[in-house]
């Protein structure tokens, strides 16, 4: 059980609830997380939980907002601190990897939402996150082509898709292996191959 204080301001309680769900998702099937389990993990009653969220769906929506805000902010900081577009892509790649290692429940939840056949608000939010992520990659890739760092004939959309897909593949393999730290070890070598594929031809 996480040491969440019983008496918190409303905003802090909502954030603590979201963090509890992310922690639980790292240990069990996200679709099987109940409000009872969330409340127990936090050391509060279900009644206390529902004072801040009207339903489980509302909690899941808050989780998706939390993920999008924090992941995109981390990616932006990484790219902005880089010396060039290509360095920015590598910094984003490694920042995403670090985020997954810190919050292994997040990709489990995202994979689960995107596999649902029916349209849901949380699935739409996950799709929006991927779209916004892609926009950032498009900007960097185009900047890299203009600067001569990347192959000028590079298919920008395909390169962005491969970037995200490569991270998803690393995450999936680490989850299957039950070793989330594996992604840290594999990421630099994998990105080196990606970089050679998109780099300017000499």
C-alpha atoms as a PDB file:
ATOM      1  CA  UNK A   1       0.000   0.000   0.000  1.00  0.00           C
ATOM      2  CA  UNK A   2       1.314   3.415  -0.936  1.00  0.00           C
ATOM      3  CA  UNK A   3       1.776   5.993   1.821  1.00  0.00           C
ATOM      4  CA  UNK A   4      -0.870   8.437   0.576  1.00  0.00           C
ATOM      5  CA  UNK A   5      -1.972  10.799   3.370  1.00  0.00           C
ATOM      6  CA  UNK A   6      -5.664  10.555   4.228  1.00  0.00           C
ATOM      7  CA  UNK A   7      -6.266  14.297   4.306  1.00  0.00           C
ATOM      8  CA  UNK A   8      -5.223  16.100   1.137  1.00  0.00           C
ATOM      9  CA  UNK A   9      -6.556  19.088  -0.839  1.00  0.00           C
ATOM     10  CA  UNK A  10      -8.812  18.084  -3.744  1.00  0.00           C
ATOM     11  CA  UNK A  11      -6.183  18.577  -6.480  1.00  0.00           C
ATOM     12  CA  UNK A  12      -3.587  16.603  -4.564  1.00  0.00           C
ATOM     13  CA  UNK A  13      -6.099  13.838  -3.879  1.00  0.00           C
ATOM     14  CA  UNK A  14      -6.910  13.576  -7.581  1.00  0.00           C
ATOM     15  CA  UNK A  15      -3.213  13.426  -8.441  1.00  0.00           C
ATOM     16  CA  UNK A  16      -2.616  10.812  -5.735  1.00  0.00           C
ATOM     17  CA  UNK A  17      -5.469   8.737  -7.196  1.00  0.00           C
ATOM     18  CA  UNK A  18      -3.980   8.896 -10.682  1.00  0.00           C
ATOM     19  CA  UNK A  19      -0.558   7.895  -9.365  1.00  0.00           C
ATOM     20  CA  UNK A  20      -2.132   4.993  -7.490  1.00  0.00           C
ATOM     21  CA  UNK A  21      -3.695   3.698 -10.713  1.00  0.00           C
ATOM     22  CA  UNK A  22      -0.358   3.970 -12.539  1.00  0.00           C
ATOM     23  CA  UNK A  23       1.340   2.060  -9.707  1.00  0.00           C
ATOM     24  CA  UNK A  24      -1.322  -0.660  -9.781  1.00  0.00           C
ATOM     25  CA  UNK A  25      -1.126  -0.963 -13.571  1.00  0.00           C
ATOM     26  CA  UNK A  26       2.555  -1.867 -13.240  1.00  0.00           C
ATOM     27  CA  UNK A  27       1.601  -4.914 -11.183  1.00  0.00           C
ATOM     28  CA  UNK A  28      -1.677  -6.189 -12.663  1.00  0.00           C
ATOM     29  CA  UNK A  29      -3.896  -6.152 -15.737  1.00  0.00           C
ATOM     30  CA  UNK A  30      -5.059  -2.522 -16.032  1.00  0.00           C
ATOM     31  CA  UNK A  31      -8.538  -3.593 -17.169  1.00  0.00           C
ATOM     32  CA  UNK A  32      -8.981  -5.471 -13.888  1.00  0.00           C
ATOM     33  CA  UNK A  33      -8.170  -2.528 -11.618  1.00  0.00           C
ATOM     34  CA  UNK A  34     -11.269  -1.753  -9.583  1.00  0.00           C
ATOM     35  CA  UNK A  35     -12.174   1.289  -7.541  1.00  0.00           C
ATOM     36  CA  UNK A  36     -12.019  -0.987  -4.502  1.00  0.00           C
ATOM     37  CA  UNK A  37      -8.407  -1.850  -5.331  1.00  0.00           C
ATOM     38  CA  UNK A  38      -7.552   1.802  -5.917  1.00  0.00           C
ATOM     39  CA  UNK A  39      -9.073   2.869  -2.601  1.00  0.00           C
ATOM     40  CA  UNK A  40      -7.321   0.036  -0.754  1.00  0.00           C
ATOM     41  CA  UNK A  41      -3.986   0.935  -2.357  1.00  0.00           C
ATOM     42  CA  UNK A  42      -4.431   4.521  -1.190  1.00  0.00           C
ATOM     43  CA  UNK A  43      -5.682   3.613   2.272  1.00  0.00           C
ATOM     44  CA  UNK A  44      -9.017   5.424   1.814  1.00  0.00           C
ATOM     45  CA  UNK A  45     -12.643   4.402   1.393  1.00  0.00           C
ATOM     46  CA  UNK A  46     -14.403   4.160  -1.959  1.00  0.00           C
ATOM     47  CA  UNK A  47     -16.646   6.956  -0.741  1.00  0.00           C
ATOM     48  CA  UNK A  48     -13.622   9.217  -0.337  1.00  0.00           C
ATOM     49  CA  UNK A  49     -12.527   8.291  -3.850  1.00  0.00           C
ATOM     50  CA  UNK A  50     -15.896   9.164  -5.378  1.00  0.00           C
ATOM     51  CA  UNK A  51     -15.852  12.592  -3.767  1.00  0.00           C
ATOM     52  CA  UNK A  52     -13.276  13.513  -6.395  1.00  0.00           C
ATOM     53  CA  UNK A  53     -14.256  11.287  -9.327  1.00  0.00           C
ATOM     54  CA  UNK A  54     -17.838  10.435 -10.324  1.00  0.00           C
ATOM     55  CA  UNK A  55     -16.855   7.101 -11.903  1.00  0.00           C
ATOM     56  CA  UNK A  56     -14.003   4.756 -12.779  1.00  0.00           C
ATOM     57  CA  UNK A  57     -14.058   6.130 -16.335  1.00  0.00           C
ATOM     58  CA  UNK A  58     -13.449   9.607 -14.934  1.00  0.00           C
ATOM     59  CA  UNK A  59     -10.406   8.248 -13.100  1.00  0.00           C
ATOM     60  CA  UNK A  60      -9.076   6.669 -16.301  1.00  0.00           C
ATOM     61  CA  UNK A  61      -9.565   9.941 -18.171  1.00  0.00           C
ATOM     62  CA  UNK A  62      -7.563  11.733 -15.492  1.00  0.00           C
ATOM     63  CA  UNK A  63      -4.831   9.111 -15.840  1.00  0.00           C
ATOM     64  CA  UNK A  64      -4.620   9.716 -19.590  1.00  0.00           C
ATOM     65  CA  UNK A  65      -4.414  13.479 -19.013  1.00  0.00           C
ATOM     66  CA  UNK A  66      -1.643  12.920 -16.458  1.00  0.00           C
ATOM     67  CA  UNK A  67       0.303  10.698 -18.874  1.00  0.00           C
ATOM     68  CA  UNK A  68      -0.038  13.074 -21.827  1.00  0.00           C
ATOM     69  CA  UNK A  69       0.953  16.136 -19.814  1.00  0.00           C
ATOM     70  CA  UNK A  70       4.015  14.575 -18.227  1.00  0.00           C
ATOM     71  CA  UNK A  71       5.283  12.565 -21.170  1.00  0.00           C
ATOM     72  CA  UNK A  72       4.973  15.380 -23.714  1.00  0.00           C
ATOM     73  CA  UNK A  73       6.525  17.887 -21.304  1.00  0.00           C
ATOM     74  CA  UNK A  74       9.475  15.556 -20.766  1.00  0.00           C
ATOM     75  CA  UNK A  75       9.899  15.055 -24.504  1.00  0.00           C
ATOM     76  CA  UNK A  76       9.772  18.813 -25.119  1.00  0.00           C
ATOM     77  CA  UNK A  77      12.420  19.496 -22.469  1.00  0.00           C
ATOM     78  CA  UNK A  78      14.671  16.827 -23.952  1.00  0.00           C
ATOM     79  CA  UNK A  79      14.353  18.145 -27.509  1.00  0.00           C
ATOM     80  CA  UNK A  80      14.801  21.791 -26.512  1.00  0.00           C
ATOM     81  CA  UNK A  81      18.023  21.023 -24.635  1.00  0.00           C
ATOM     82  CA  UNK A  82      19.548  19.215 -27.620  1.00  0.00           C
ATOM     83  CA  UNK A  83      22.110  20.874 -29.883  1.00  0.00           C
ATOM     84  CA  UNK A  84      20.547  19.764 -33.177  1.00  0.00           C
ATOM     85  CA  UNK A  85      17.412  18.093 -34.604  1.00  0.00           C
ATOM     86  CA  UNK A  86      19.060  14.661 -34.760  1.00  0.00           C
ATOM     87  CA  UNK A  87      20.342  15.048 -31.214  1.00  0.00           C
ATOM     88  CA  UNK A  88      16.812  16.101 -30.293  1.00  0.00           C
ATOM     89  CA  UNK A  89      15.372  12.894 -31.710  1.00  0.00           C
ATOM     90  CA  UNK A  90      17.835  10.836 -29.686  1.00  0.00           C
ATOM     91  CA  UNK A  91      17.102  12.870 -26.559  1.00  0.00           C
ATOM     92  CA  UNK A  92      13.352  12.309 -27.037  1.00  0.00           C
ATOM     93  CA  UNK A  93      13.911   8.588 -27.564  1.00  0.00           C
ATOM     94  CA  UNK A  94      15.905   8.252 -24.350  1.00  0.00           C
ATOM     95  CA  UNK A  95      13.514  10.510 -22.415  1.00  0.00           C
ATOM     96  CA  UNK A  96      10.590   8.304 -23.422  1.00  0.00           C
ATOM     97  CA  UNK A  97      12.520   5.212 -22.385  1.00  0.00           C
ATOM     98  CA  UNK A  98      13.282   6.758 -18.988  1.00  0.00           C
ATOM     99  CA  UNK A  99       9.611   7.640 -18.530  1.00  0.00           C
ATOM    100  CA  UNK A 100       8.593   4.032 -19.196  1.00  0.00           C
ATOM    101  CA  UNK A 101      11.174   2.691 -16.744  1.00  0.00           C
ATOM    102  CA  UNK A 102       9.847   5.068 -14.079  1.00  0.00           C
ATOM    103  CA  UNK A 103       6.179   4.316 -14.879  1.00  0.00           C
ATOM    104  CA  UNK A 104       5.899   0.782 -16.352  1.00  0.00           C
ATOM    105  CA  UNK A 105       2.148   0.811 -15.750  1.00  0.00           C
ATOM    106  CA  UNK A 106       1.663   3.550 -18.350  1.00  0.00           C
ATOM    107  CA  UNK A 107       2.418   1.529 -21.522  1.00  0.00           C
ATOM    108  CA  UNK A 108       0.334  -1.347 -20.171  1.00  0.00           C
ATOM    109  CA  UNK A 109      -2.627   1.011 -19.884  1.00  0.00           C
ATOM    110  CA  UNK A 110      -2.025   2.621 -23.282  1.00  0.00           C
ATOM    111  CA  UNK A 111      -1.733  -0.740 -25.038  1.00  0.00           C
ATOM    112  CA  UNK A 112      -4.920  -1.859 -23.335  1.00  0.00           C
ATOM    113  CA  UNK A 113      -6.894   1.225 -24.347  1.00  0.00           C
ATOM    114  CA  UNK A 114      -5.747   1.175 -27.973  1.00  0.00           C
ATOM    115  CA  UNK A 115      -6.748  -2.479 -28.324  1.00  0.00           C
ATOM    116  CA  UNK A 116     -10.345  -1.851 -27.264  1.00  0.00           C
ATOM    117  CA  UNK A 117     -12.703  -2.232 -30.227  1.00  0.00           C
ATOM    118  CA  UNK A 118     -15.325   0.210 -28.981  1.00  0.00           C
ATOM    119  CA  UNK A 119     -14.752   3.970 -29.055  1.00  0.00           C
ATOM    120  CA  UNK A 120     -14.117   5.385 -25.591  1.00  0.00           C
ATOM    121  CA  UNK A 121     -13.009   8.751 -24.289  1.00  0.00           C
ATOM    122  CA  UNK A 122      -9.791   7.272 -22.909  1.00  0.00           C
ATOM    123  CA  UNK A 123      -9.021   5.575 -26.238  1.00  0.00           C
ATOM    124  CA  UNK A 124      -9.560   8.878 -28.035  1.00  0.00           C
ATOM    125  CA  UNK A 125      -7.235  10.572 -25.542  1.00  0.00           C
ATOM    126  CA  UNK A 126      -4.567   7.931 -26.180  1.00  0.00           C
ATOM    127  CA  UNK A 127      -4.928   8.489 -29.921  1.00  0.00           C
ATOM    128  CA  UNK A 128      -4.623  12.253 -29.388  1.00  0.00           C
ATOM    129  CA  UNK A 129      -1.432  11.689 -27.396  1.00  0.00           C
ATOM    130  CA  UNK A 130       0.048   9.700 -30.283  1.00  0.00           C
ATOM    131  CA  UNK A 131      -0.970  12.413 -32.759  1.00  0.00           C
ATOM    132  CA  UNK A 132       0.644  15.163 -30.682  1.00  0.00           C
ATOM    133  CA  UNK A 133       3.752  13.016 -30.271  1.00  0.00           C
ATOM    134  CA  UNK A 134       3.877  12.520 -34.032  1.00  0.00           C
ATOM    135  CA  UNK A 135       3.632  16.266 -34.644  1.00  0.00           C
ATOM    136  CA  UNK A 136       6.741  16.825 -32.537  1.00  0.00           C
ATOM    137  CA  UNK A 137       8.614  14.163 -34.460  1.00  0.00           C
ATOM    138  CA  UNK A 138       7.543  15.612 -37.813  1.00  0.00           C
ATOM    139  CA  UNK A 139       8.896  19.015 -36.787  1.00  0.00           C
ATOM    140  CA  UNK A 140      12.282  17.623 -35.732  1.00  0.00           C
ATOM    141  CA  UNK A 141      12.642  15.354 -38.752  1.00  0.00           C
ATOM    142  CA  UNK A 142      11.855  18.177 -41.181  1.00  0.00           C
ATOM    143  CA  UNK A 143      14.320  20.421 -39.323  1.00  0.00           C
ATOM    144  CA  UNK A 144      16.957  17.692 -39.567  1.00  0.00           C
ATOM    145  CA  UNK A 145      16.399  17.357 -43.321  1.00  0.00           C
ATOM    146  CA  UNK A 146      16.652  21.132 -43.784  1.00  0.00           C
ATOM    147  CA  UNK A 147      19.894  21.186 -41.789  1.00  0.00           C
ATOM    148  CA  UNK A 148      21.417  18.331 -43.779  1.00  0.00           C
ATOM    149  CA  UNK A 149      21.578  15.947 -40.815  1.00  0.00           C
ATOM    150  CA  UNK A 150      18.950  13.610 -42.221  1.00  0.00           C
ATOM    151  CA  UNK A 151      18.472  12.113 -45.661  1.00  0.00           C
ATOM    152  CA  UNK A 152      16.690  14.768 -47.738  1.00  0.00           C
ATOM    153  CA  UNK A 153      14.586  12.059 -49.425  1.00  0.00           C
ATOM    154  CA  UNK A 154      13.485  10.621 -46.065  1.00  0.00           C
ATOM    155  CA  UNK A 155       9.754   9.854 -45.743  1.00  0.00           C
ATOM    156  CA  UNK A 156       8.963  11.987 -42.701  1.00  0.00           C
ATOM    157  CA  UNK A 157       5.709  10.245 -41.823  1.00  0.00           C
ATOM    158  CA  UNK A 158       7.269   6.800 -42.081  1.00  0.00           C
ATOM    159  CA  UNK A 159      10.277   7.905 -40.004  1.00  0.00           C
ATOM    160  CA  UNK A 160       7.975   9.239 -37.269  1.00  0.00           C
ATOM    161  CA  UNK A 161       5.921   6.038 -37.320  1.00  0.00           C
ATOM    162  CA  UNK A 162       9.071   3.921 -37.065  1.00  0.00           C
ATOM    163  CA  UNK A 163      10.365   6.048 -34.164  1.00  0.00           C
ATOM    164  CA  UNK A 164       7.243   5.429 -32.088  1.00  0.00           C
ATOM    165  CA  UNK A 165       6.961   1.820 -33.238  1.00  0.00           C
ATOM    166  CA  UNK A 166      10.551   1.126 -32.229  1.00  0.00           C
ATOM    167  CA  UNK A 167       9.897   2.351 -28.698  1.00  0.00           C
ATOM    168  CA  UNK A 168       6.672   0.334 -28.548  1.00  0.00           C
ATOM    169  CA  UNK A 169       8.599  -2.763 -29.623  1.00  0.00           C
ATOM    170  CA  UNK A 170      11.238  -2.238 -26.953  1.00  0.00           C
ATOM    171  CA  UNK A 171       8.536  -1.730 -24.332  1.00  0.00           C
ATOM    172  CA  UNK A 172       6.643  -4.849 -25.406  1.00  0.00           C
ATOM    173  CA  UNK A 173       9.776  -6.997 -25.254  1.00  0.00           C
ATOM    174  CA  UNK A 174      10.710  -5.677 -21.818  1.00  0.00           C
ATOM    175  CA  UNK A 175       7.191  -6.367 -20.514  1.00  0.00           C
ATOM    176  CA  UNK A 176       7.201  -9.881 -21.972  1.00  0.00           C
ATOM    177  CA  UNK A 177      10.595 -10.524 -20.378  1.00  0.00           C
ATOM    178  CA  UNK A 178       9.346  -9.155 -17.049  1.00  0.00           C
ATOM    179  CA  UNK A 179      12.383  -6.881 -16.963  1.00  0.00           C
ATOM    180  CA  UNK A 180      11.554  -3.228 -17.530  1.00  0.00           C
ATOM    181  CA  UNK A 181      15.204  -2.257 -17.070  1.00  0.00           C
ATOM    182  CA  UNK A 182      15.968  -4.176 -20.262  1.00  0.00           C
ATOM    183  CA  UNK A 183      14.683  -1.242 -22.302  1.00  0.00           C
ATOM    184  CA  UNK A 184      17.389   0.974 -20.765  1.00  0.00           C
ATOM    185  CA  UNK A 185      20.069  -1.465 -21.886  1.00  0.00           C
ATOM    186  CA  UNK A 186      18.697  -1.968 -25.402  1.00  0.00           C
ATOM    187  CA  UNK A 187      17.637   1.597 -26.264  1.00  0.00           C
ATOM    188  CA  UNK A 188      21.059   3.107 -27.159  1.00  0.00           C
ATOM    189  CA  UNK A 189      21.955   0.244 -29.522  1.00  0.00           C
ATOM    190  CA  UNK A 190      18.529   0.260 -31.147  1.00  0.00           C
ATOM    191  CA  UNK A 191      18.521   4.025 -31.658  1.00  0.00           C
ATOM    192  CA  UNK A 192      21.970   3.797 -33.270  1.00  0.00           C
ATOM    193  CA  UNK A 193      20.461   1.568 -35.974  1.00  0.00           C
ATOM    194  CA  UNK A 194      17.503   3.942 -36.426  1.00  0.00           C
ATOM    195  CA  UNK A 195      19.893   6.889 -36.708  1.00  0.00           C
ATOM    196  CA  UNK A 196      21.913   5.165 -39.446  1.00  0.00           C
ATOM    197  CA  UNK A 197      18.710   4.528 -41.363  1.00  0.00           C
ATOM    198  CA  UNK A 198      17.525   8.147 -41.359  1.00  0.00           C
ATOM    199  CA  UNK A 199      20.890   9.923 -41.465  1.00  0.00           C
ATOM    200  CA  UNK A 200      22.153  11.950 -44.426  1.00  0.00           C
ATOM    201  CA  UNK A 201      23.806   9.834 -47.114  1.00  0.00           C
ATOM    202  CA  UNK A 202      27.466  10.584 -47.690  1.00  0.00           C
END
